[in-house]
Amino acid sequence: MSEAIREIRAVHTADTVTVHQAYAPHIGVPAARDGRFPASWKRDRMTWVKPSFLWMMYRCGWGAKAGQETVLAVEITRAGFEWALREACLSHHAAGLHGDRASWRRALAAAPTRVQWDPERDVHLRPLPYRSLQLGLSGEAVRRYADEWIVGIRDVTPLAREAHARVRGGDVEGARALLPDERPYPTPPGLLSHLGG
């Protein structure tokens, strides 16, 4: 099956979509326990969410990188996710979408969300020839994410560790069988047109 070059692939239901983040335990453990981020979570900085579990594994080293030892699956509303996509600007200049660089810089500065399309990863965390969405939230988007969009937060660190152990042990098929069932996200027509999707 061929993959679209830029496509959102995620675990999703009729009402929600799951994104991933990784934090130090003092943030991640209470977030999973309480279903919301603790007071120590910084609302004044950009936070990146990733629908792709394997891209998160690449970013956090299967939960082994310092400050990223707790891997979270955050289920959010599709309405919130799609608001974030509508309000987003690409994190890099694309002449066909933005015109000149000054226009892009103004759009980026004004946008509460930004998008990067980064190479998807396989179970060995090698880049694949198609790209996955990374969504950066700031300002109003961070507030909406934390206070309005979250439906539930699960600690998936044990899953990350088990999948990594199977990869290290040569059981690639066993590792793949553990992975979340990420399918193409049914974006409304035109939702990604300003993002090169």
Protein backbone atom coordinates (compact mmCIF):
# COMPACT_ATOMS: atom_id res chain seq x y z
CA MET A 1 0.00 0.00 0.00
CA SER A 2 1.47 3.34 -0.97
CA GLU A 3 1.49 6.15 1.58
CA ALA A 4 0.70 9.79 0.88
CA ILE A 5 3.85 11.90 1.12
CA ARG A 6 2.29 14.08 3.83
CA GLU A 7 -0.56 12.52 5.73
CA ILE A 8 -1.78 12.46 9.31
CA ARG A 9 -1.78 8.89 10.58
CA ALA A 10 -3.15 8.45 14.09
CA VAL A 11 -5.29 6.43 16.43
CA HIS A 12 -8.69 8.08 16.16
CA THR A 13 -12.35 7.53 16.89
CA ALA A 14 -15.43 9.37 15.66
CA ASP A 15 -14.78 12.09 18.25
CA THR A 16 -11.13 11.92 19.30
CA VAL A 17 -7.57 11.63 18.07
CA THR A 18 -4.56 10.43 20.07
CA VAL A 19 -1.29 12.36 20.14
CA HIS A 20 1.93 11.57 22.00
CA GLN A 21 4.27 13.50 24.25
CA ALA A 22 7.12 12.54 26.58
CA TYR A 23 7.98 14.20 29.86
CA ALA A 24 10.04 13.76 32.98
CA PRO A 25 8.20 11.62 35.54
CA HIS A 26 7.30 14.60 37.75
CA ILE A 27 5.10 15.85 34.88
CA GLY A 28 4.11 12.63 33.10
CA VAL A 29 3.13 10.48 36.08
CA PRO A 30 0.61 12.92 37.63
CA ALA A 31 -0.71 13.82 34.17
CA ALA A 32 -1.58 10.16 33.50
CA ARG A 33 -2.90 9.65 37.02
CA ASP A 34 -5.14 12.74 37.05
CA GLY A 35 -6.03 13.03 33.36
CA ARG A 36 -4.67 16.58 33.21
CA PHE A 37 -1.30 18.27 33.35
CA PRO A 38 -0.04 19.28 36.81
CA ALA A 39 0.48 22.88 37.88
CA SER A 40 4.22 22.52 37.26
CA TRP A 41 3.58 21.98 33.53
CA LYS A 42 4.66 25.13 31.68
CA ARG A 43 1.81 26.80 29.82
CA ASP A 44 3.98 29.67 28.60
CA ARG A 45 6.16 27.62 26.27
CA MET A 46 5.45 25.82 23.03
CA THR A 47 4.46 22.18 23.41
CA TRP A 48 4.72 19.72 20.52
CA VAL A 49 2.31 16.82 20.04
CA LYS A 50 2.86 13.91 17.68
CA PRO A 51 0.15 11.58 16.35
CA SER A 52 2.84 9.07 15.36
CA PHE A 53 3.93 6.74 18.18
CA LEU A 54 7.13 5.76 16.36
CA TRP A 55 8.08 9.36 15.69
CA MET A 56 7.67 9.97 19.41
CA MET A 57 9.90 6.97 20.05
CA TYR A 58 12.51 8.48 17.74
CA ARG A 59 12.27 11.80 19.57
CA CYS A 60 12.43 10.40 23.11
CA GLY A 61 14.68 7.38 22.44
CA TRP A 62 11.99 4.90 23.50
CA GLY A 63 11.60 6.87 26.73
CA ALA A 64 15.29 6.70 27.60
CA LYS A 65 16.27 10.34 27.01
CA ALA A 66 16.65 12.55 30.07
CA GLY A 67 13.50 14.52 30.76
CA GLN A 68 11.45 12.29 28.43
CA GLU A 69 11.21 9.10 30.47
CA THR A 70 7.41 9.06 30.71
CA VAL A 71 5.63 8.58 27.40
CA LEU A 72 2.03 9.76 27.25
CA ALA A 73 -0.81 8.99 24.85
CA VAL A 74 -3.09 12.02 25.07
CA GLU A 75 -6.58 11.58 23.65
CA ILE A 76 -8.01 14.92 22.52
CA THR A 77 -11.16 16.01 20.76
CA ARG A 78 -11.14 16.00 16.99
CA ALA A 79 -12.78 19.44 17.11
CA GLY A 80 -9.79 20.80 19.02
CA PHE A 81 -7.26 19.04 16.81
CA GLU A 82 -8.89 20.39 13.67
CA TRP A 83 -9.04 23.91 15.15
CA ALA A 84 -5.28 23.64 15.74
CA LEU A 85 -4.72 22.59 12.12
CA ARG A 86 -6.91 25.39 10.74
CA GLU A 87 -5.03 27.99 12.80
CA ALA A 88 -1.55 26.60 12.05
CA CYS A 89 1.28 27.97 9.98
CA LEU A 90 4.10 25.84 8.55
CA SER A 91 7.25 26.16 10.64
CA HIS A 92 9.32 26.69 7.49
CA HIS A 93 8.85 28.99 4.52
CA ALA A 94 7.23 27.44 1.42
CA ALA A 95 7.13 29.91 -1.45
CA GLY A 96 4.11 28.28 -3.09
CA LEU A 97 2.08 28.69 0.09
CA HIS A 98 3.35 31.88 1.68
CA GLY A 99 4.74 34.14 -1.03
CA ASP A 100 7.69 36.05 0.38
CA ARG A 101 9.51 35.28 3.60
CA ALA A 102 8.23 38.41 5.33
CA SER A 103 4.63 37.29 4.81
CA TRP A 104 5.45 33.86 6.19
CA ARG A 105 7.21 35.35 9.24
CA ARG A 106 4.16 37.50 10.00
CA ALA A 107 1.84 34.51 9.64
CA LEU A 108 4.09 32.37 11.84
CA ALA A 109 4.26 35.03 14.56
CA ALA A 110 0.47 35.39 14.59
CA ALA A 111 -0.40 31.68 14.52
CA PRO A 112 -1.13 29.88 17.81
CA THR A 113 -0.05 26.60 16.23
CA ARG A 114 2.62 25.47 13.80
CA VAL A 115 3.18 22.36 11.74
CA GLN A 116 6.24 20.40 10.69
CA TRP A 117 6.17 17.41 8.37
CA ASP A 118 9.01 15.14 9.45
CA PRO A 119 10.00 11.73 8.08
CA GLU A 120 7.96 8.91 9.60
CA ARG A 121 10.01 6.18 11.30
CA ASP A 122 10.07 2.40 11.20
CA VAL A 123 10.51 0.19 14.28
CA HIS A 124 14.28 0.64 14.00
CA LEU A 125 13.59 4.42 14.04
CA ARG A 126 15.01 4.79 10.54
CA PRO A 127 13.38 7.45 8.33
CA LEU A 128 10.70 6.35 5.88
CA PRO A 129 9.99 8.05 2.52
CA TYR A 130 6.79 9.71 3.74
CA ARG A 131 6.17 12.30 6.41
CA SER A 132 4.24 12.60 9.64
CA LEU A 133 2.70 15.59 11.32
CA GLN A 134 4.25 17.33 14.31
CA LEU A 135 1.97 19.99 15.78
CA GLY A 136 3.34 22.79 17.95
CA LEU A 137 0.97 24.57 20.31
CA SER A 138 1.55 27.97 21.89
CA GLY A 139 -0.45 30.71 23.58
CA GLU A 140 -4.18 30.22 23.18
CA ALA A 141 -3.65 26.73 21.73
CA VAL A 142 -1.79 25.53 24.84
CA ARG A 143 -4.63 26.75 27.06
CA ARG A 144 -7.27 25.08 24.88
CA TYR A 145 -5.26 21.86 24.76
CA ALA A 146 -4.83 21.65 28.52
CA ASP A 147 -8.26 22.89 29.58
CA GLU A 148 -10.68 21.96 26.81
CA TRP A 149 -9.45 19.29 24.40
CA ILE A 150 -8.07 16.52 26.61
CA VAL A 151 -10.37 13.54 26.99
CA GLY A 152 -7.84 11.25 28.67
CA ILE A 153 -4.12 10.69 29.26
CA ARG A 154 -2.48 7.26 29.43
CA ASP A 155 1.07 6.36 30.43
CA VAL A 156 2.33 4.21 27.56
CA THR A 157 5.90 3.95 28.84
CA PRO A 158 5.54 0.17 29.45
CA LEU A 159 4.44 -0.25 25.82
CA ALA A 160 7.46 1.74 24.63
CA ARG A 161 9.82 -0.37 26.72
CA GLU A 162 8.29 -3.68 25.63
CA ALA A 163 8.34 -2.73 21.94
CA HIS A 164 11.93 -1.54 22.24
CA ALA A 165 12.96 -4.77 24.00
CA ARG A 166 11.43 -6.80 21.17
CA VAL A 167 13.22 -4.72 18.53
CA ARG A 168 16.53 -5.15 20.38
CA GLY A 169 15.88 -8.88 20.66
CA GLY A 170 15.24 -9.22 16.92
CA ASP A 171 11.49 -9.80 17.24
CA VAL A 172 10.49 -7.09 14.78
CA GLU A 173 7.09 -8.60 14.02
CA GLY A 174 6.38 -8.88 17.74
CA ALA A 175 7.29 -5.22 18.16
CA ARG A 176 5.05 -4.21 15.25
CA ALA A 177 2.15 -6.17 16.75
CA LEU A 178 2.34 -4.00 19.88
CA LEU A 179 2.16 -0.68 18.05
CA PRO A 180 -0.97 1.47 18.13
CA ASP A 181 -3.29 1.06 15.14
CA GLU A 182 -2.56 4.34 13.40
CA ARG A 183 -4.71 4.93 10.32
CA PRO A 184 -5.00 7.89 7.93
CA TYR A 185 -6.92 10.66 9.65
CA PRO A 186 -9.99 11.75 7.66
CA THR A 187 -9.28 15.46 7.35
CA PRO A 188 -12.11 17.61 6.00
CA PRO A 189 -11.49 18.84 2.43
CA GLY A 190 -9.04 21.72 2.34
CA LEU A 191 -8.06 21.51 6.01
CA LEU A 192 -4.37 20.92 5.21
CA SER A 193 -4.12 22.94 2.00
CA HIS A 194 -2.32 25.83 3.72
CA LEU A 195 0.07 23.32 5.32
CA GLY A 196 1.23 21.51 2.21
CA GLY A 197 -0.79 18.40 3.08
